Amino acid sequence: MLSGSEMEQLLDELHILMDRSSPPDAVVLGAVVALAERCRRELGAELRFEGD
C-alpha cells in the first residue's frame, strides 16, 4: 500500500512516462493515471500492478 506521498510520486512518474510515450502507449498510461487518481480519492480502493 502506498502512502500519500508515494502515490503522488507514482502519479508524477506516470505523467512523465505519458509525455515521453508514443500515442498508443500514452492512452494506456492515461487510463492507469485515471485509475490511480480514483484510488487516491476513494477510501479502501487499491490499484494493483501484476505481471512482468
PDB file of N, CA and C in Angstrom:
ATOM      1  N   MET A   1       0.851  -1.168   0.000  1.00  0.00           N
ATOM      2  CA  MET A   1       0.000   0.000   0.000  1.00  0.00           C
ATOM      3  C   MET A   1       0.903   1.239   0.000  1.00  0.00           C
ATOM      4  N   LEU A   2       0.551   2.195  -0.820  1.00  0.00           N
ATOM      5  CA  LEU A   2       1.374   3.399  -0.922  1.00  0.00           C
ATOM      6  C   LEU A   2       0.887   4.477   0.035  1.00  0.00           C
ATOM      7  N   SER A   3       1.829   5.214   0.579  1.00  0.00           N
ATOM      8  CA  SER A   3       1.478   6.375   1.390  1.00  0.00           C
ATOM      9  C   SER A   3       1.022   7.485   0.443  1.00  0.00           C
ATOM     10  N   GLY A   4       0.503   8.547   1.003  1.00  0.00           N
ATOM     11  CA  GLY A   4       0.067   9.679   0.179  1.00  0.00           C
ATOM     12  C   GLY A   4       1.184  10.246  -0.669  1.00  0.00           C
ATOM     13  N   SER A   5       2.369  10.394  -0.073  1.00  0.00           N
ATOM     14  CA  SER A   5       3.498  10.954  -0.826  1.00  0.00           C
ATOM     15  C   SER A   5       3.994   9.980  -1.894  1.00  0.00           C
ATOM     16  N   GLU A   6       3.930   8.678  -1.585  1.00  0.00           N
ATOM     17  CA  GLU A   6       4.336   7.681  -2.582  1.00  0.00           C
ATOM     18  C   GLU A   6       3.360   7.655  -3.760  1.00  0.00           C
ATOM     19  N   MET A   7       2.070   7.832  -3.477  1.00  0.00           N
ATOM     20  CA  MET A   7       1.079   7.871  -4.554  1.00  0.00           C
ATOM     21  C   MET A   7       1.313   9.093  -5.431  1.00  0.00           C
ATOM     22  N   GLU A   8       1.626  10.218  -4.810  1.00  0.00           N
ATOM     23  CA  GLU A   8       1.920  11.424  -5.582  1.00  0.00           C
ATOM     24  C   GLU A   8       3.138  11.202  -6.477  1.00  0.00           C
ATOM     25  N   GLN A   9       4.150  10.537  -5.945  1.00  0.00           N
ATOM     26  CA  GLN A   9       5.350  10.246  -6.725  1.00  0.00           C
ATOM     27  C   GLN A   9       5.016   9.323  -7.891  1.00  0.00           C
ATOM     28  N   LEU A  10       4.200   8.302  -7.645  1.00  0.00           N
ATOM     29  CA  LEU A  10       3.780   7.396  -8.715  1.00  0.00           C
ATOM     30  C   LEU A  10       3.049   8.172  -9.808  1.00  0.00           C
ATOM     31  N   LEU A  11       2.126   9.031  -9.422  1.00  0.00           N
ATOM     32  CA  LEU A  11       1.386   9.813 -10.408  1.00  0.00           C
ATOM     33  C   LEU A  11       2.315  10.733 -11.200  1.00  0.00           C
ATOM     34  N   ASP A  12       3.264  11.360 -10.525  1.00  0.00           N
ATOM     35  CA  ASP A  12       4.238  12.211 -11.218  1.00  0.00           C
ATOM     36  C   ASP A  12       5.024  11.406 -12.249  1.00  0.00           C
ATOM     37  N   GLU A  13       5.471  10.219 -11.850  1.00  0.00           N
ATOM     38  CA  GLU A  13       6.252   9.379 -12.762  1.00  0.00           C
ATOM     39  C   GLU A  13       5.408   8.884 -13.933  1.00  0.00           C
ATOM     40  N   LEU A  14       4.142   8.559 -13.668  1.00  0.00           N
ATOM     41  CA  LEU A  14       3.257   8.136 -14.754  1.00  0.00           C
ATOM     42  C   LEU A  14       3.019   9.269 -15.748  1.00  0.00           C
ATOM     43  N   HIS A  15       2.874  10.483 -15.242  1.00  0.00           N
ATOM     44  CA  HIS A  15       2.693  11.633 -16.135  1.00  0.00           C
ATOM     45  C   HIS A  15       3.931  11.847 -17.005  1.00  0.00           C
ATOM     46  N   ILE A  16       5.102  11.683 -16.435  1.00  0.00           N
ATOM     47  CA  ILE A  16       6.347  11.813 -17.209  1.00  0.00           C
ATOM     48  C   ILE A  16       6.406  10.743 -18.288  1.00  0.00           C
ATOM     49  N   LEU A  17       6.070   9.499 -17.922  1.00  0.00           N
ATOM     50  CA  LEU A  17       6.053   8.421 -18.912  1.00  0.00           C
ATOM     51  C   LEU A  17       5.053   8.704 -20.025  1.00  0.00           C
ATOM     52  N   MET A  18       3.889   9.227 -19.678  1.00  0.00           N
ATOM     53  CA  MET A  18       2.883   9.563 -20.692  1.00  0.00           C
ATOM     54  C   MET A  18       3.436  10.575 -21.688  1.00  0.00           C
ATOM     55  N   ASP A  19       4.119  11.589 -21.169  1.00  0.00           N
ATOM     56  CA  ASP A  19       4.677  12.641 -22.031  1.00  0.00           C
ATOM     57  C   ASP A  19       5.739  12.104 -22.977  1.00  0.00           C
ATOM     58  N   ARG A  20       6.439  11.063 -22.572  1.00  0.00           N
ATOM     59  CA  ARG A  20       7.538  10.508 -23.368  1.00  0.00           C
ATOM     60  C   ARG A  20       7.113   9.340 -24.261  1.00  0.00           C
ATOM     61  N   SER A  21       5.877   8.899 -24.131  1.00  0.00           N
ATOM     62  CA  SER A  21       5.426   7.688 -24.819  1.00  0.00           C
ATOM     63  C   SER A  21       4.780   7.991 -26.165  1.00  0.00           C
ATOM     64  N   SER A  22       4.733   6.959 -26.986  1.00  0.00           N
ATOM     65  CA  SER A  22       4.015   7.057 -28.257  1.00  0.00           C
ATOM     66  C   SER A  22       2.517   7.144 -27.946  1.00  0.00           C
ATOM     67  N   PRO A  23       1.735   7.661 -28.899  1.00  0.00           N
ATOM     68  CA  PRO A  23       0.301   7.832 -28.639  1.00  0.00           C
ATOM     69  C   PRO A  23      -0.423   6.580 -28.125  1.00  0.00           C
ATOM     70  N   PRO A  24      -0.217   5.390 -28.705  1.00  0.00           N
ATOM     71  CA  PRO A  24      -0.945   4.232 -28.166  1.00  0.00           C
ATOM     72  C   PRO A  24      -0.567   3.924 -26.711  1.00  0.00           C
ATOM     73  N   ASP A  25       0.712   4.040 -26.383  1.00  0.00           N
ATOM     74  CA  ASP A  25       1.154   3.789 -25.009  1.00  0.00           C
ATOM     75  C   ASP A  25       0.650   4.875 -24.070  1.00  0.00           C
ATOM     76  N   ALA A  26       0.611   6.108 -24.551  1.00  0.00           N
ATOM     77  CA  ALA A  26       0.143   7.218 -23.726  1.00  0.00           C
ATOM     78  C   ALA A  26      -1.330   7.045 -23.359  1.00  0.00           C
ATOM     79  N   VAL A  27      -2.109   6.473 -24.265  1.00  0.00           N
ATOM     80  CA  VAL A  27      -3.522   6.224 -23.974  1.00  0.00           C
ATOM     81  C   VAL A  27      -3.652   5.222 -22.824  1.00  0.00           C
ATOM     82  N   VAL A  28      -2.866   4.166 -22.875  1.00  0.00           N
ATOM     83  CA  VAL A  28      -2.901   3.156 -21.811  1.00  0.00           C
ATOM     84  C   VAL A  28      -2.435   3.766 -20.489  1.00  0.00           C
ATOM     85  N   LEU A  29      -1.348   4.503 -20.534  1.00  0.00           N
ATOM     86  CA  LEU A  29      -0.854   5.141 -19.312  1.00  0.00           C
ATOM     87  C   LEU A  29      -1.857   6.142 -18.764  1.00  0.00           C
ATOM     88  N   GLY A  30      -2.557   6.828 -19.650  1.00  0.00           N
ATOM     89  CA  GLY A  30      -3.597   7.765 -19.222  1.00  0.00           C
ATOM     90  C   GLY A  30      -4.696   7.055 -18.445  1.00  0.00           C
ATOM     91  N   ALA A  31      -5.051   5.855 -18.887  1.00  0.00           N
ATOM     92  CA  ALA A  31      -6.062   5.068 -18.177  1.00  0.00           C
ATOM     93  C   ALA A  31      -5.547   4.650 -16.800  1.00  0.00           C
ATOM     94  N   VAL A  32      -4.269   4.300 -16.718  1.00  0.00           N
ATOM     95  CA  VAL A  32      -3.677   3.927 -15.428  1.00  0.00           C
ATOM     96  C   VAL A  32      -3.666   5.138 -14.488  1.00  0.00           C
ATOM     97  N   VAL A  33      -3.332   6.301 -15.021  1.00  0.00           N
ATOM     98  CA  VAL A  33      -3.338   7.522 -14.213  1.00  0.00           C
ATOM     99  C   VAL A  33      -4.744   7.791 -13.683  1.00  0.00           C
ATOM    100  N   ALA A  34      -5.742   7.653 -14.543  1.00  0.00           N
ATOM    101  CA  ALA A  34      -7.120   7.895 -14.118  1.00  0.00           C
ATOM    102  C   ALA A  34      -7.516   6.935 -12.993  1.00  0.00           C
ATOM    103  N   LEU A  35      -7.138   5.668 -13.123  1.00  0.00           N
ATOM    104  CA  LEU A  35      -7.434   4.700 -12.067  1.00  0.00           C
ATOM    105  C   LEU A  35      -6.697   5.040 -10.772  1.00  0.00           C
ATOM    106  N   ALA A  36      -5.437   5.431 -10.889  1.00  0.00           N
ATOM    107  CA  ALA A  36      -4.650   5.776  -9.703  1.00  0.00           C
ATOM    108  C   ALA A  36      -5.251   6.984  -8.992  1.00  0.00           C
ATOM    109  N   GLU A  37      -5.689   7.969  -9.759  1.00  0.00           N
ATOM    110  CA  GLU A  37      -6.300   9.153  -9.158  1.00  0.00           C
ATOM    111  C   GLU A  37      -7.618   8.784  -8.480  1.00  0.00           C
ATOM    112  N   ARG A  38      -8.366   7.896  -9.099  1.00  0.00           N
ATOM    113  CA  ARG A  38      -9.615   7.447  -8.491  1.00  0.00           C
ATOM    114  C   ARG A  38      -9.346   6.701  -7.190  1.00  0.00           C
ATOM    115  N   CYS A  39      -8.345   5.836  -7.187  1.00  0.00           N
ATOM    116  CA  CYS A  39      -7.993   5.097  -5.969  1.00  0.00           C
ATOM    117  C   CYS A  39      -7.543   6.034  -4.859  1.00  0.00           C
ATOM    118  N   ARG A  40      -6.877   7.091  -5.236  1.00  0.00           N
ATOM    119  CA  ARG A  40      -6.403   8.060  -4.243  1.00  0.00           C
ATOM    120  C   ARG A  40      -7.586   8.740  -3.552  1.00  0.00           C
ATOM    121  N   ARG A  41      -8.654   8.969  -4.303  1.00  0.00           N
ATOM    122  CA  ARG A  41      -9.821   9.667  -3.759  1.00  0.00           C
ATOM    123  C   ARG A  41     -10.765   8.766  -2.977  1.00  0.00           C
ATOM    124  N   GLU A  42     -10.851   7.496  -3.359  1.00  0.00           N
ATOM    125  CA  GLU A  42     -11.853   6.603  -2.773  1.00  0.00           C
ATOM    126  C   GLU A  42     -11.238   5.746  -1.666  1.00  0.00           C
ATOM    127  N   LEU A  43     -11.780   5.895  -0.483  1.00  0.00           N
ATOM    128  CA  LEU A  43     -11.308   5.147   0.678  1.00  0.00           C
ATOM    129  C   LEU A  43     -11.484   3.649   0.441  1.00  0.00           C
ATOM    130  N   GLY A  44     -10.434   2.905   0.686  1.00  0.00           N
ATOM    131  CA  GLY A  44     -10.486   1.454   0.551  1.00  0.00           C
ATOM    132  C   GLY A  44     -10.198   0.934  -0.851  1.00  0.00           C
ATOM    133  N   ALA A  45     -10.072   1.824  -1.832  1.00  0.00           N
ATOM    134  CA  ALA A  45      -9.765   1.389  -3.194  1.00  0.00           C
ATOM    135  C   ALA A  45      -8.262   1.156  -3.320  1.00  0.00           C
ATOM    136  N   GLU A  46      -7.895   0.235  -4.201  1.00  0.00           N
ATOM    137  CA  GLU A  46      -6.470  -0.002  -4.416  1.00  0.00           C
ATOM    138  C   GLU A  46      -6.208  -0.299  -5.880  1.00  0.00           C
ATOM    139  N   LEU A  47      -5.018   0.008  -6.293  1.00  0.00           N
ATOM    140  CA  LEU A  47      -4.562  -0.227  -7.655  1.00  0.00           C
ATOM    141  C   LEU A  47      -3.425  -1.234  -7.565  1.00  0.00           C
ATOM    142  N   ARG A  48      -3.579  -2.350  -8.270  1.00  0.00           N
ATOM    143  CA  ARG A  48      -2.558  -3.406  -8.216  1.00  0.00           C
ATOM    144  C   ARG A  48      -1.908  -3.553  -9.584  1.00  0.00           C
ATOM    145  N   PHE A  49      -0.595  -3.692  -9.553  1.00  0.00           N
ATOM    146  CA  PHE A  49       0.167  -3.972 -10.761  1.00  0.00           C
ATOM    147  C   PHE A  49       0.675  -5.403 -10.653  1.00  0.00           C
ATOM    148  N   GLU A  50       0.302  -6.237 -11.592  1.00  0.00           N
ATOM    149  CA  GLU A  50       0.731  -7.626 -11.572  1.00  0.00           C
ATOM    150  C   GLU A  50       1.343  -7.982 -12.905  1.00  0.00           C
ATOM    151  N   GLY A  51       2.251  -8.922 -12.885  1.00  0.00           N
ATOM    152  CA  GLY A  51       2.866  -9.397 -14.126  1.00  0.00           C
ATOM    153  C   GLY A  51       4.305  -8.981 -14.242  1.00  0.00           C
ATOM    154  N   ASP A  52       4.820  -9.131 -15.448  1.00  0.00           N
ATOM    155  CA  ASP A  52       6.232  -8.858 -15.698  1.00  0.00           C
ATOM    156  C   ASP A  52       6.526  -7.396 -15.864  1.00  0.00           C
TER     157      ASP A  52
END
